[in-house]
Each structure stands twice: as structure tokens, then as C-alpha cells.
N, C-alpha and C. Protein backbone atom coordinates (compact mmCIF):
# COMPACT_ATOMS: atom_id res chain seq x y z
N UNK A 1 95.48 -64.10 1.98
CA UNK A 1 94.04 -64.00 1.63
C UNK A 1 93.29 -63.20 2.67
N UNK A 2 93.58 -63.40 3.94
CA UNK A 2 92.91 -62.67 5.01
C UNK A 2 93.24 -61.20 4.95
N UNK A 3 94.52 -60.91 4.50
CA UNK A 3 94.91 -59.50 4.38
C UNK A 3 94.06 -58.84 3.30
N UNK A 4 93.81 -59.51 2.21
CA UNK A 4 93.00 -58.94 1.12
C UNK A 4 91.59 -58.66 1.60
N UNK A 5 91.01 -59.61 2.40
CA UNK A 5 89.65 -59.41 2.90
C UNK A 5 89.58 -58.25 3.86
N UNK A 6 90.63 -58.08 4.67
CA UNK A 6 90.64 -56.93 5.60
C UNK A 6 90.67 -55.62 4.87
N UNK A 7 91.49 -55.57 3.81
CA UNK A 7 91.57 -54.33 3.01
C UNK A 7 90.24 -54.03 2.37
N UNK A 8 89.58 -55.06 1.83
CA UNK A 8 88.27 -54.85 1.20
C UNK A 8 87.24 -54.38 2.19
N UNK A 9 87.31 -54.95 3.41
CA UNK A 9 86.36 -54.53 4.46
C UNK A 9 86.56 -53.09 4.84
N UNK A 10 87.83 -52.68 4.99
CA UNK A 10 88.12 -51.32 5.35
C UNK A 10 87.66 -50.36 4.26
N UNK A 11 87.84 -50.76 3.02
CA UNK A 11 87.39 -49.91 1.90
C UNK A 11 85.88 -49.73 1.92
N UNK A 12 85.16 -50.80 2.24
CA UNK A 12 83.68 -50.71 2.29
C UNK A 12 83.23 -49.79 3.39
N UNK A 13 83.92 -49.91 4.56
CA UNK A 13 83.57 -49.02 5.68
C UNK A 13 83.83 -47.58 5.33
N UNK A 14 84.96 -47.33 4.64
CA UNK A 14 85.30 -45.95 4.24
C UNK A 14 84.27 -45.37 3.31
N UNK A 15 83.81 -46.17 2.35
CA UNK A 15 82.79 -45.68 1.39
C UNK A 15 81.49 -45.35 2.12
N UNK A 16 81.10 -46.20 3.10
CA UNK A 16 79.85 -45.95 3.85
C UNK A 16 79.94 -44.66 4.65
N UNK A 17 81.11 -44.44 5.28
CA UNK A 17 81.30 -43.22 6.07
C UNK A 17 81.26 -42.00 5.18
N UNK A 18 81.87 -42.11 3.99
CA UNK A 18 81.87 -40.97 3.07
C UNK A 18 80.47 -40.64 2.62
N UNK A 19 79.68 -41.67 2.34
CA UNK A 19 78.29 -41.43 1.92
C UNK A 19 77.51 -40.75 3.02
N UNK A 20 77.75 -41.14 4.28
CA UNK A 20 77.02 -40.53 5.39
C UNK A 20 77.42 -39.08 5.56
N UNK A 21 78.71 -38.79 5.41
CA UNK A 21 79.16 -37.40 5.50
C UNK A 21 78.56 -36.56 4.40
N UNK A 22 78.46 -37.11 3.20
CA UNK A 22 77.90 -36.37 2.06
C UNK A 22 76.44 -36.06 2.30
N UNK A 23 75.68 -37.00 2.85
CA UNK A 23 74.27 -36.78 3.13
C UNK A 23 74.08 -35.79 4.25
N UNK A 24 75.05 -35.67 5.16
CA UNK A 24 74.91 -34.76 6.30
C UNK A 24 75.34 -33.35 5.98
N UNK A 25 75.76 -33.07 4.75
CA UNK A 25 76.18 -31.73 4.37
C UNK A 25 75.00 -30.78 4.47
N UNK A 26 75.17 -29.60 5.10
CA UNK A 26 74.05 -28.66 5.27
C UNK A 26 73.42 -28.32 3.94
N UNK A 27 72.06 -28.29 3.93
CA UNK A 27 71.34 -27.91 2.73
C UNK A 27 70.98 -29.07 1.84
N UNK A 28 71.53 -30.15 2.01
CA UNK A 28 71.22 -31.28 1.13
C UNK A 28 70.28 -32.26 1.81
N UNK A 29 70.56 -32.65 3.03
CA UNK A 29 69.74 -33.63 3.72
C UNK A 29 68.33 -33.11 3.94
N UNK A 30 68.21 -31.82 4.36
CA UNK A 30 66.88 -31.28 4.62
C UNK A 30 66.06 -31.19 3.35
N UNK A 31 66.69 -30.82 2.24
CA UNK A 31 65.96 -30.74 0.98
C UNK A 31 65.58 -32.12 0.49
N UNK A 32 66.48 -33.04 0.63
CA UNK A 32 66.20 -34.39 0.18
C UNK A 32 65.10 -35.01 1.01
N UNK A 33 65.15 -34.80 2.31
CA UNK A 33 64.12 -35.36 3.16
C UNK A 33 62.77 -34.75 2.84
N UNK A 34 62.77 -33.50 2.49
CA UNK A 34 61.50 -32.85 2.17
C UNK A 34 60.94 -33.35 0.87
N UNK A 35 61.86 -33.62 -0.12
CA UNK A 35 61.39 -34.05 -1.43
C UNK A 35 61.06 -35.53 -1.46
N UNK A 36 61.89 -36.37 -0.77
CA UNK A 36 61.73 -37.82 -0.86
C UNK A 36 61.02 -38.40 0.34
N UNK A 37 60.68 -37.55 1.35
CA UNK A 37 59.96 -38.01 2.53
C UNK A 37 60.75 -39.11 3.26
N UNK A 38 62.08 -38.89 3.41
CA UNK A 38 62.96 -39.88 4.06
C UNK A 38 62.79 -39.76 5.56
N UNK A 39 62.58 -40.83 6.28
CA UNK A 39 62.42 -40.74 7.74
C UNK A 39 63.71 -40.28 8.39
N UNK A 40 63.59 -39.56 9.50
CA UNK A 40 64.77 -39.07 10.21
C UNK A 40 65.49 -40.22 10.89
N UNK A 41 66.82 -40.12 10.96
CA UNK A 41 67.64 -41.16 11.59
C UNK A 41 67.98 -40.69 12.99
N UNK A 42 67.70 -41.49 14.00
CA UNK A 42 67.97 -41.16 15.39
C UNK A 42 69.17 -41.96 15.85
N UNK A 43 70.24 -41.28 16.21
CA UNK A 43 71.44 -41.95 16.67
C UNK A 43 71.29 -42.29 18.14
N UNK A 44 71.94 -43.34 18.57
CA UNK A 44 71.87 -43.71 19.99
C UNK A 44 72.36 -42.58 20.88
N UNK A 45 71.68 -42.37 22.00
CA UNK A 45 72.09 -41.34 22.95
C UNK A 45 71.55 -39.96 22.65
N UNK A 46 70.72 -39.80 21.58
CA UNK A 46 70.13 -38.48 21.24
C UNK A 46 68.64 -38.54 21.47
N UNK A 47 68.03 -37.36 21.66
CA UNK A 47 66.58 -37.29 21.87
C UNK A 47 65.85 -37.26 20.54
N UNK A 48 64.66 -37.79 20.54
CA UNK A 48 63.85 -37.77 19.32
C UNK A 48 63.43 -36.35 19.02
N UNK A 49 63.43 -35.95 17.76
CA UNK A 49 63.01 -34.58 17.41
C UNK A 49 61.54 -34.38 17.74
N UNK A 50 61.24 -33.15 18.15
CA UNK A 50 59.84 -32.82 18.48
C UNK A 50 59.00 -32.80 17.23
N UNK A 51 57.76 -33.23 17.39
CA UNK A 51 56.85 -33.25 16.24
C UNK A 51 56.51 -31.82 15.83
N UNK A 52 56.41 -31.60 14.52
CA UNK A 52 56.07 -30.27 14.00
C UNK A 52 54.65 -29.92 14.40
N UNK A 53 54.50 -28.66 14.84
CA UNK A 53 53.16 -28.16 15.18
C UNK A 53 52.64 -27.35 14.01
N UNK A 54 51.54 -27.76 13.46
CA UNK A 54 50.98 -27.07 12.30
C UNK A 54 49.65 -26.45 12.68
N UNK A 55 49.33 -25.32 12.05
CA UNK A 55 48.08 -24.61 12.34
C UNK A 55 46.91 -25.31 11.68
N UNK A 56 45.78 -25.27 12.34
CA UNK A 56 44.56 -25.85 11.78
C UNK A 56 43.98 -24.87 10.77
N UNK A 57 44.14 -25.19 9.50
CA UNK A 57 43.68 -24.30 8.43
C UNK A 57 42.36 -24.76 7.84
N UNK A 58 41.67 -25.66 8.51
CA UNK A 58 40.39 -26.14 7.99
C UNK A 58 39.37 -25.02 7.99
N UNK A 59 38.47 -25.05 7.04
CA UNK A 59 37.46 -24.00 6.92
C UNK A 59 36.43 -24.06 8.03
N UNK A 60 36.39 -25.18 8.78
CA UNK A 60 35.41 -25.31 9.85
C UNK A 60 35.85 -24.60 11.12
N UNK A 61 37.13 -24.25 11.19
CA UNK A 61 37.62 -23.61 12.41
C UNK A 61 37.04 -22.20 12.51
N UNK A 62 36.53 -21.82 13.69
CA UNK A 62 35.95 -20.50 13.91
C UNK A 62 37.03 -19.53 14.32
N UNK A 63 37.13 -18.41 13.60
CA UNK A 63 38.12 -17.40 13.89
C UNK A 63 37.50 -16.31 14.73
N UNK A 64 38.25 -15.68 15.65
CA UNK A 64 37.69 -14.58 16.45
C UNK A 64 37.34 -13.39 15.59
N UNK A 65 36.27 -12.69 15.93
CA UNK A 65 35.79 -11.54 15.17
C UNK A 65 36.17 -10.28 15.90
N UNK A 66 36.80 -9.36 15.18
CA UNK A 66 37.17 -8.06 15.74
C UNK A 66 36.02 -7.09 15.53
N UNK A 67 35.25 -6.81 16.60
CA UNK A 67 34.09 -5.93 16.48
C UNK A 67 34.48 -4.52 16.10
N UNK A 68 35.71 -4.11 16.40
CA UNK A 68 36.12 -2.74 16.10
C UNK A 68 36.24 -2.49 14.60
N UNK A 69 36.33 -3.58 13.79
CA UNK A 69 36.47 -3.43 12.35
C UNK A 69 35.14 -3.56 11.62
N UNK A 70 34.04 -3.68 12.35
CA UNK A 70 32.75 -3.78 11.70
C UNK A 70 32.36 -2.44 11.11
N UNK A 71 31.74 -2.47 9.95
CA UNK A 71 31.25 -1.26 9.31
C UNK A 71 29.79 -1.07 9.66
N UNK A 72 29.22 0.09 9.26
CA UNK A 72 27.82 0.37 9.53
C UNK A 72 26.90 -0.65 8.87
N UNK A 73 27.36 -1.20 7.71
CA UNK A 73 26.53 -2.18 7.01
C UNK A 73 26.46 -3.50 7.76
N UNK A 74 27.51 -3.78 8.61
CA UNK A 74 27.53 -5.04 9.35
C UNK A 74 26.66 -4.98 10.60
N UNK A 75 26.34 -3.78 11.07
CA UNK A 75 25.57 -3.61 12.30
C UNK A 75 24.09 -3.53 11.96
N UNK A 76 23.29 -4.35 12.58
CA UNK A 76 21.86 -4.35 12.31
C UNK A 76 21.24 -3.05 12.80
N UNK A 77 20.45 -2.35 11.94
CA UNK A 77 19.85 -1.09 12.36
C UNK A 77 18.80 -1.30 13.44
N UNK A 78 18.65 -0.29 14.27
CA UNK A 78 17.63 -0.37 15.31
C UNK A 78 16.24 -0.29 14.67
N UNK A 79 15.31 -1.08 15.15
CA UNK A 79 13.97 -1.05 14.56
C UNK A 79 13.31 0.31 14.76
N UNK A 80 12.63 0.79 13.71
CA UNK A 80 11.94 2.06 13.79
C UNK A 80 10.59 1.87 14.48
N UNK A 81 10.15 2.88 15.21
CA UNK A 81 8.84 2.75 15.85
C UNK A 81 7.73 2.65 14.82
N UNK A 82 6.74 1.85 15.12
CA UNK A 82 5.63 1.66 14.19
C UNK A 82 4.83 2.96 14.07
N UNK A 83 4.38 3.30 12.85
CA UNK A 83 3.60 4.52 12.69
C UNK A 83 2.28 4.44 13.45
N UNK A 84 1.85 5.60 13.95
CA UNK A 84 0.59 5.67 14.70
C UNK A 84 -0.56 5.62 13.71
N UNK A 85 -1.51 4.75 13.95
CA UNK A 85 -2.69 4.65 13.09
C UNK A 85 -3.94 4.95 13.92
N UNK A 86 -4.94 5.50 13.26
CA UNK A 86 -6.17 5.86 13.96
C UNK A 86 -7.31 5.92 12.96
N UNK A 87 -8.54 5.82 13.48
CA UNK A 87 -9.74 5.87 12.64
C UNK A 87 -10.30 7.28 12.51
N UNK A 88 -9.82 8.20 13.33
CA UNK A 88 -10.29 9.58 13.27
C UNK A 88 -9.13 10.50 13.64
N UNK A 89 -9.27 11.78 13.27
CA UNK A 89 -8.23 12.74 13.60
C UNK A 89 -8.11 12.91 15.11
N UNK A 90 -9.23 12.90 15.80
CA UNK A 90 -9.19 13.02 17.26
C UNK A 90 -8.43 11.86 17.88
N UNK A 91 -8.65 10.67 17.36
CA UNK A 91 -7.94 9.49 17.87
C UNK A 91 -6.45 9.60 17.58
N UNK A 92 -6.10 10.11 16.40
CA UNK A 92 -4.69 10.27 16.04
C UNK A 92 -4.02 11.31 16.92
N UNK A 93 -4.71 12.40 17.20
CA UNK A 93 -4.16 13.43 18.09
C UNK A 93 -3.90 12.84 19.47
N UNK A 94 -4.85 12.07 19.98
CA UNK A 94 -4.70 11.46 21.31
C UNK A 94 -3.55 10.45 21.34
N UNK A 95 -3.29 9.78 20.20
CA UNK A 95 -2.26 8.74 20.15
C UNK A 95 -0.88 9.29 19.80
N UNK A 96 -0.79 10.55 19.41
CA UNK A 96 0.51 11.13 19.02
C UNK A 96 1.25 11.61 20.27
N UNK A 97 2.40 11.01 20.57
CA UNK A 97 3.11 11.39 21.80
C UNK A 97 3.76 12.76 21.66
N UNK A 98 3.75 13.50 22.74
CA UNK A 98 4.41 14.80 22.76
C UNK A 98 5.91 14.58 22.94
N UNK A 99 6.75 15.15 22.07
CA UNK A 99 8.20 14.93 22.22
C UNK A 99 8.73 15.55 23.50
N UNK A 100 9.77 14.93 24.04
CA UNK A 100 10.37 15.45 25.26
C UNK A 100 10.98 16.82 25.03
N UNK A 101 11.59 16.99 23.88
CA UNK A 101 12.17 18.28 23.50
C UNK A 101 11.53 18.73 22.20
N UNK A 102 10.84 19.84 22.22
CA UNK A 102 10.19 20.38 21.02
C UNK A 102 11.18 21.26 20.28
N UNK A 103 11.51 20.88 19.06
CA UNK A 103 12.48 21.67 18.30
C UNK A 103 11.86 23.01 17.90
N UNK A 104 12.68 24.02 17.61
CA UNK A 104 12.16 25.36 17.32
C UNK A 104 11.14 25.41 16.19
N UNK A 105 11.34 24.66 15.13
CA UNK A 105 10.43 24.68 14.00
C UNK A 105 9.06 24.13 14.40
N UNK A 106 9.06 23.03 15.15
CA UNK A 106 7.79 22.47 15.61
C UNK A 106 7.10 23.42 16.57
N UNK A 107 7.87 24.10 17.40
CA UNK A 107 7.29 25.05 18.35
C UNK A 107 6.62 26.22 17.61
N UNK A 108 7.25 26.71 16.57
CA UNK A 108 6.66 27.80 15.79
C UNK A 108 5.36 27.36 15.12
N UNK A 109 5.38 26.14 14.56
CA UNK A 109 4.19 25.63 13.89
C UNK A 109 3.06 25.41 14.89
N UNK A 110 3.38 24.82 16.03
CA UNK A 110 2.36 24.60 17.07
C UNK A 110 1.85 25.93 17.60
N UNK A 111 2.71 26.93 17.67
CA UNK A 111 2.27 28.25 18.13
C UNK A 111 1.25 28.86 17.19
N UNK A 112 1.45 28.70 15.88
CA UNK A 112 0.47 29.21 14.91
C UNK A 112 -0.86 28.50 15.07
N UNK A 113 -0.81 27.18 15.28
CA UNK A 113 -2.04 26.42 15.48
C UNK A 113 -2.74 26.87 16.76
N UNK A 114 -1.99 27.02 17.80
CA UNK A 114 -2.58 27.36 19.11
C UNK A 114 -3.20 28.76 19.09
N UNK A 115 -2.46 29.75 18.64
CA UNK A 115 -2.93 31.13 18.75
C UNK A 115 -3.91 31.51 17.64
N UNK A 116 -3.88 30.83 16.51
CA UNK A 116 -4.78 31.17 15.41
C UNK A 116 -6.05 30.33 15.41
N UNK A 117 -6.00 29.10 15.99
CA UNK A 117 -7.15 28.21 15.77
C UNK A 117 -7.45 27.27 16.93
N UNK A 118 -6.99 27.57 18.13
CA UNK A 118 -7.24 26.62 19.22
C UNK A 118 -8.72 26.46 19.53
N UNK A 119 -9.56 27.41 19.15
CA UNK A 119 -11.00 27.28 19.36
C UNK A 119 -11.72 26.61 18.21
N UNK A 120 -10.99 26.23 17.16
CA UNK A 120 -11.59 25.58 15.99
C UNK A 120 -11.58 24.06 16.16
N UNK A 121 -12.26 23.38 15.24
CA UNK A 121 -12.23 21.91 15.25
C UNK A 121 -10.83 21.43 14.88
N UNK A 122 -10.55 20.17 15.11
CA UNK A 122 -9.23 19.62 14.78
C UNK A 122 -8.92 19.71 13.29
N UNK A 123 -9.91 19.42 12.38
CA UNK A 123 -9.62 19.63 10.95
C UNK A 123 -9.30 21.09 10.63
N UNK A 124 -9.96 22.04 11.33
CA UNK A 124 -9.65 23.45 11.12
C UNK A 124 -8.25 23.80 11.59
N UNK A 125 -7.84 23.23 12.72
CA UNK A 125 -6.48 23.46 13.21
C UNK A 125 -5.44 22.85 12.27
N UNK A 126 -5.75 21.70 11.74
CA UNK A 126 -4.83 21.04 10.81
C UNK A 126 -4.67 21.88 9.54
N UNK A 127 -5.76 22.47 9.06
CA UNK A 127 -5.69 23.30 7.86
C UNK A 127 -4.81 24.53 8.09
N UNK A 128 -4.89 25.13 9.27
CA UNK A 128 -4.04 26.27 9.60
C UNK A 128 -2.57 25.86 9.61
N UNK A 129 -2.28 24.70 10.20
CA UNK A 129 -0.90 24.22 10.21
C UNK A 129 -0.37 24.03 8.80
N UNK A 130 -1.22 23.53 7.89
CA UNK A 130 -0.77 23.31 6.52
C UNK A 130 -0.56 24.63 5.77
N UNK A 131 -1.26 25.68 6.14
CA UNK A 131 -1.00 26.98 5.52
C UNK A 131 0.44 27.41 5.79
N UNK A 132 0.88 27.25 7.02
CA UNK A 132 2.26 27.61 7.38
C UNK A 132 3.25 26.74 6.60
N UNK A 133 3.00 25.45 6.54
CA UNK A 133 3.90 24.55 5.82
C UNK A 133 3.91 24.87 4.32
N UNK A 134 2.73 25.10 3.76
CA UNK A 134 2.64 25.43 2.33
C UNK A 134 3.41 26.70 2.00
N UNK A 135 3.34 27.69 2.87
CA UNK A 135 4.09 28.92 2.65
C UNK A 135 5.59 28.66 2.64
N UNK A 136 6.07 27.88 3.57
CA UNK A 136 7.50 27.60 3.64
C UNK A 136 7.99 26.84 2.41
N UNK A 137 7.11 26.09 1.78
CA UNK A 137 7.50 25.29 0.61
C UNK A 137 7.20 25.99 -0.72
N UNK A 138 6.56 27.14 -0.68
CA UNK A 138 6.08 27.78 -1.91
C UNK A 138 7.14 28.56 -2.67
N UNK A 139 8.17 29.04 -1.98
CA UNK A 139 9.15 29.90 -2.62
C UNK A 139 8.74 31.37 -2.62
N UNK A 140 7.55 31.66 -2.15
CA UNK A 140 7.05 33.04 -2.09
C UNK A 140 7.17 33.63 -0.69
N UNK A 141 7.48 32.79 0.29
CA UNK A 141 7.58 33.20 1.68
C UNK A 141 8.91 32.69 2.24
N UNK A 142 9.25 33.06 3.46
CA UNK A 142 10.47 32.49 4.06
C UNK A 142 10.47 30.97 4.02
N UNK A 143 11.65 30.37 3.95
CA UNK A 143 11.77 28.93 3.75
C UNK A 143 11.61 28.10 5.02
N UNK A 144 11.69 28.74 6.17
CA UNK A 144 11.54 28.00 7.43
C UNK A 144 10.17 28.28 8.02
N UNK A 145 9.71 27.36 8.86
CA UNK A 145 8.41 27.54 9.51
C UNK A 145 8.44 28.74 10.45
N UNK A 146 9.52 28.89 11.18
CA UNK A 146 9.63 30.05 12.07
C UNK A 146 9.70 31.34 11.27
N UNK A 147 10.36 31.31 10.13
CA UNK A 147 10.41 32.49 9.27
C UNK A 147 9.04 32.89 8.78
N UNK A 148 8.22 31.89 8.43
CA UNK A 148 6.84 32.17 7.98
C UNK A 148 6.02 32.76 9.13
N UNK A 149 6.09 32.14 10.29
CA UNK A 149 5.27 32.58 11.42
C UNK A 149 5.66 33.98 11.89
N UNK A 150 6.94 34.29 11.88
CA UNK A 150 7.42 35.58 12.38
C UNK A 150 7.54 36.64 11.29
N UNK A 151 7.12 36.32 10.08
CA UNK A 151 7.18 37.33 9.02
C UNK A 151 6.30 38.53 9.40
N UNK A 152 6.80 39.69 9.17
CA UNK A 152 6.13 40.92 9.60
C UNK A 152 4.75 41.06 8.94
N UNK A 153 3.79 41.43 9.76
CA UNK A 153 2.42 41.75 9.32
C UNK A 153 1.68 40.55 8.72
N UNK A 154 2.02 39.35 9.13
CA UNK A 154 1.34 38.17 8.61
C UNK A 154 0.43 37.52 9.66
N UNK A 155 0.91 37.31 10.85
CA UNK A 155 0.10 36.70 11.91
C UNK A 155 0.01 37.69 13.06
N UNK A 156 -1.22 38.05 13.38
CA UNK A 156 -1.45 39.12 14.36
C UNK A 156 -1.04 38.75 15.78
N UNK A 157 -0.96 37.46 16.08
CA UNK A 157 -0.62 37.08 17.46
C UNK A 157 0.87 37.33 17.74
N UNK A 158 1.71 37.44 16.71
CA UNK A 158 3.13 37.72 16.92
C UNK A 158 3.30 39.21 17.21
N UNK A 159 3.82 39.52 18.35
CA UNK A 159 3.97 40.90 18.78
C UNK A 159 5.42 41.18 19.14
N UNK A 160 5.98 42.13 18.45
CA UNK A 160 7.40 42.44 18.68
C UNK A 160 8.30 41.29 18.32
N UNK A 161 7.88 40.48 17.36
CA UNK A 161 8.68 39.34 16.92
C UNK A 161 8.63 38.16 17.87
N UNK A 162 7.75 38.19 18.85
CA UNK A 162 7.65 37.10 19.82
C UNK A 162 6.22 36.61 19.97
N UNK A 163 6.11 35.37 20.43
CA UNK A 163 4.80 34.80 20.71
C UNK A 163 4.40 35.10 22.16
N UNK A 164 3.13 35.28 22.42
CA UNK A 164 2.69 35.43 23.82
C UNK A 164 2.80 34.11 24.58
N UNK A 165 2.57 34.15 25.85
CA UNK A 165 2.68 32.96 26.68
C UNK A 165 1.50 32.03 26.45
N UNK A 166 1.76 30.73 26.54
CA UNK A 166 0.72 29.72 26.43
C UNK A 166 0.06 29.58 27.79
N UNK A 167 -1.29 29.59 27.80
CA UNK A 167 -2.01 29.57 29.08
C UNK A 167 -2.90 28.34 29.26
N UNK A 168 -3.06 27.54 28.22
CA UNK A 168 -3.90 26.36 28.34
C UNK A 168 -3.08 25.14 27.91
N UNK A 169 -2.69 24.34 28.89
CA UNK A 169 -1.79 23.20 28.61
C UNK A 169 -2.44 22.16 27.71
N UNK A 170 -3.73 21.88 27.95
CA UNK A 170 -4.41 20.85 27.14
C UNK A 170 -4.50 21.28 25.68
N UNK A 171 -4.88 22.54 25.45
CA UNK A 171 -4.97 23.02 24.07
C UNK A 171 -3.58 23.11 23.42
N UNK A 172 -2.57 23.43 24.21
CA UNK A 172 -1.21 23.45 23.67
C UNK A 172 -0.76 22.05 23.26
N UNK A 173 -1.06 21.06 24.07
CA UNK A 173 -0.70 19.69 23.72
C UNK A 173 -1.38 19.26 22.43
N UNK A 174 -2.65 19.64 22.25
CA UNK A 174 -3.35 19.34 21.00
C UNK A 174 -2.67 20.03 19.83
N UNK A 175 -2.25 21.28 20.03
CA UNK A 175 -1.60 22.04 18.96
C UNK A 175 -0.27 21.39 18.56
N UNK A 176 0.47 20.91 19.55
CA UNK A 176 1.74 20.23 19.26
C UNK A 176 1.48 18.94 18.47
N UNK A 177 0.45 18.19 18.85
CA UNK A 177 0.11 16.96 18.11
C UNK A 177 -0.33 17.29 16.68
N UNK A 178 -1.18 18.32 16.53
CA UNK A 178 -1.61 18.71 15.19
C UNK A 178 -0.42 19.14 14.34
N UNK A 179 0.51 19.88 14.93
CA UNK A 179 1.70 20.32 14.20
C UNK A 179 2.52 19.12 13.71
N UNK A 180 2.67 18.11 14.56
CA UNK A 180 3.40 16.90 14.15
C UNK A 180 2.68 16.17 13.03
N UNK A 181 1.37 16.06 13.15
CA UNK A 181 0.58 15.35 12.13
C UNK A 181 0.66 16.09 10.80
N UNK A 182 0.59 17.42 10.85
CA UNK A 182 0.69 18.20 9.61
C UNK A 182 2.07 18.07 8.99
N UNK A 183 3.09 18.14 9.82
CA UNK A 183 4.46 18.05 9.29
C UNK A 183 4.74 16.67 8.72
N UNK A 184 4.15 15.63 9.31
CA UNK A 184 4.34 14.26 8.80
C UNK A 184 3.41 13.94 7.64
N UNK A 185 2.38 14.77 7.44
CA UNK A 185 1.41 14.48 6.37
C UNK A 185 0.64 13.20 6.62
N UNK A 186 0.35 12.91 7.88
CA UNK A 186 -0.28 11.63 8.21
C UNK A 186 -1.80 11.69 8.28
N UNK A 187 -2.41 12.85 7.94
CA UNK A 187 -3.88 12.92 7.89
C UNK A 187 -4.30 13.88 6.78
N UNK A 188 -5.44 13.62 6.19
CA UNK A 188 -5.91 14.42 5.06
C UNK A 188 -6.18 15.86 5.47
N UNK A 189 -5.69 16.78 4.63
CA UNK A 189 -5.93 18.21 4.82
C UNK A 189 -7.12 18.62 3.96
N UNK A 190 -8.11 19.28 4.56
CA UNK A 190 -9.33 19.65 3.83
C UNK A 190 -9.22 21.01 3.14
N UNK A 191 -8.04 21.63 3.22
CA UNK A 191 -7.80 22.87 2.47
C UNK A 191 -6.46 22.75 1.75
N UNK A 192 -6.37 21.82 0.80
CA UNK A 192 -5.08 21.55 0.15
C UNK A 192 -4.58 22.75 -0.66
N UNK A 193 -3.30 23.05 -0.51
CA UNK A 193 -2.68 24.12 -1.29
C UNK A 193 -2.95 25.51 -0.78
N UNK A 194 -3.65 25.66 0.34
CA UNK A 194 -3.99 26.99 0.84
C UNK A 194 -2.75 27.72 1.35
N UNK A 195 -2.69 29.01 1.02
CA UNK A 195 -1.60 29.87 1.48
C UNK A 195 -2.09 31.01 2.37
N UNK A 196 -3.43 31.20 2.40
CA UNK A 196 -4.01 32.31 3.16
C UNK A 196 -5.31 31.85 3.81
N UNK A 197 -5.69 32.50 4.88
CA UNK A 197 -6.99 32.27 5.50
C UNK A 197 -7.36 33.51 6.30
N UNK A 198 -8.66 33.67 6.53
CA UNK A 198 -9.13 34.74 7.40
C UNK A 198 -10.43 34.29 8.07
N UNK A 199 -10.77 34.99 9.13
CA UNK A 199 -12.03 34.69 9.82
C UNK A 199 -13.19 35.09 8.93
N UNK A 200 -14.28 34.33 8.98
CA UNK A 200 -15.40 34.56 8.07
C UNK A 200 -16.16 35.85 8.38
N UNK A 201 -15.96 36.42 9.57
CA UNK A 201 -16.68 37.65 9.91
C UNK A 201 -15.97 38.91 9.38
N UNK A 202 -14.83 38.73 8.69
CA UNK A 202 -14.17 39.87 8.04
C UNK A 202 -14.20 39.66 6.54
N UNK A 203 -14.06 40.77 5.80
CA UNK A 203 -14.07 40.70 4.34
C UNK A 203 -12.92 41.53 3.79
N UNK A 204 -11.74 40.91 3.65
CA UNK A 204 -10.57 41.66 3.20
C UNK A 204 -10.59 42.01 1.71
N UNK A 205 -11.54 41.47 0.96
CA UNK A 205 -11.61 41.76 -0.48
C UNK A 205 -10.46 41.17 -1.28
N UNK A 206 -9.98 40.02 -0.87
CA UNK A 206 -8.87 39.38 -1.59
C UNK A 206 -9.34 38.88 -2.96
N UNK A 207 -8.50 39.04 -3.96
CA UNK A 207 -8.74 38.46 -5.27
C UNK A 207 -7.92 37.17 -5.39
N UNK A 208 -8.31 36.20 -4.60
CA UNK A 208 -7.61 34.93 -4.55
C UNK A 208 -8.61 33.80 -4.75
N UNK A 209 -8.10 32.64 -5.05
CA UNK A 209 -8.95 31.47 -5.27
C UNK A 209 -9.37 30.88 -3.93
N UNK A 210 -10.67 30.85 -3.73
CA UNK A 210 -11.19 30.27 -2.48
C UNK A 210 -11.15 28.75 -2.58
N UNK A 211 -10.64 28.11 -1.52
CA UNK A 211 -10.50 26.66 -1.51
C UNK A 211 -11.55 26.00 -0.63
N UNK A 212 -11.68 26.48 0.58
CA UNK A 212 -12.59 25.81 1.52
C UNK A 212 -12.93 26.75 2.67
N UNK A 213 -14.04 26.42 3.32
CA UNK A 213 -14.38 27.05 4.59
C UNK A 213 -14.49 25.95 5.64
N UNK A 214 -13.71 26.10 6.70
CA UNK A 214 -13.74 25.13 7.79
C UNK A 214 -13.99 25.90 9.08
N UNK A 215 -15.13 25.62 9.67
CA UNK A 215 -15.51 26.33 10.90
C UNK A 215 -15.58 27.84 10.62
N UNK A 216 -14.81 28.62 11.34
CA UNK A 216 -14.85 30.07 11.21
C UNK A 216 -13.77 30.65 10.30
N UNK A 217 -13.06 29.78 9.57
CA UNK A 217 -11.98 30.24 8.69
C UNK A 217 -12.29 29.92 7.23
N UNK A 218 -11.93 30.85 6.36
CA UNK A 218 -12.03 30.64 4.92
C UNK A 218 -10.61 30.61 4.37
N UNK A 219 -10.32 29.60 3.54
CA UNK A 219 -8.95 29.35 3.06
C UNK A 219 -8.87 29.66 1.55
N UNK A 220 -7.71 30.23 1.17
CA UNK A 220 -7.45 30.64 -0.22
C UNK A 220 -6.04 30.21 -0.63
N UNK A 221 -5.85 30.27 -1.96
CA UNK A 221 -4.49 30.13 -2.47
C UNK A 221 -4.22 31.22 -3.52
């Protein structure tokens, strides 16, 4: 009887060992543990497996921002300077800053104002500036301000295709301010649409539409 019990015991041990070997076959235990959530078995004399390190995928985690990948739409634009406001043209001229670098077009326009009308009132100077601008936009004259000013036989102060030297700094600064105001359209022009003007003490006999007389100049289109 004891022999029978020993044989049965040995058979049971053999079946247990076979089951353990079958579970330890590569590819089966890991899949089974993943599917059935079976706890790992730690044999005596071995170290416990290290805990898995998982990334924090929560939406609250702040990710670093790569500034080099920002587009122009992501960058806040620099604030534009506030427009100059004034109650009179003289106040606007005084408040208009002179640019550090005067571009060629502005210089040509200011030159026309200075040499043609520096002795006139500010509205008269502004009207002269608008004549130059109106010509450039009309399609009947050169398209640039410098082209209009330097066009042959149009402005008597241009000699040999060049402007004479500026001799009055204060009047030049006013002319530069008037040129900016005219180019920006920031003050009312009292000779709208004018393309021509002459001093009132001459009579060229033009068959043109008279628009206005400002100081010593008569304006036409």
C-alpha cells in the first residue's frame, strides 16, 4: 500500500513540474500575464523585478515649447506708434518727428515744398506738396515723386537735374514735416485734385480749371 502511495505522489509531482515548464515556455507566460494580470512569481534567492516606469501622459503635464518652431502668427506683433493728432496744421507740423533717415522720395517732395513755397503759409505749402503727389498718381506724369520733381521744364528751382543747397534749417524741417503730412493724408488739402499752380503775379493764360488761391499761389487741374 505504501508503494502505491509513493508512486501516486511521484506522479503528482511530475505533473506539477510539467505544468510549470509549460507555463515557462517563451512567449506564453508573458502573454498570459498580460492578458490575465497574473502576479509574477519570485523564486527564493532571486531579486524582485524592477517596477515598470511609465510616462506621464496626463493632459495637465506641461511640455517644453520649441521657440524655433513658432510661426509669425504665434509671435505677438510689435505695437504701432499712435498717430499724431493736433487741433491745427501748425500744431501737427510741430508734433511730426523728423525721420532719422529721409528716404529719396520724401526728400524730393520736401524739396518741392521748400523751394517753391517756404515763404507761404502752412496750408499753402501743403497744397504744393499735394500737387506733386497728385501728379505722380495721375498717370499723366512720372509715377515717382522724384520723377515728377525732376521732370524737365516743370519746376524752375531744379537746375541741371539737381536741387540747390538748403540754407534754412528751420524752414527745411517744416518742409519735411509738411511732406510727411501730405504723403500720409493726415490733414485737409485746400486745393484738392490740383495738378498745376503758379504765382498770382504772373498770367500764363492757362485754359485749365481753377481750384483755389492760397496766399500767392493759384491752383488748377
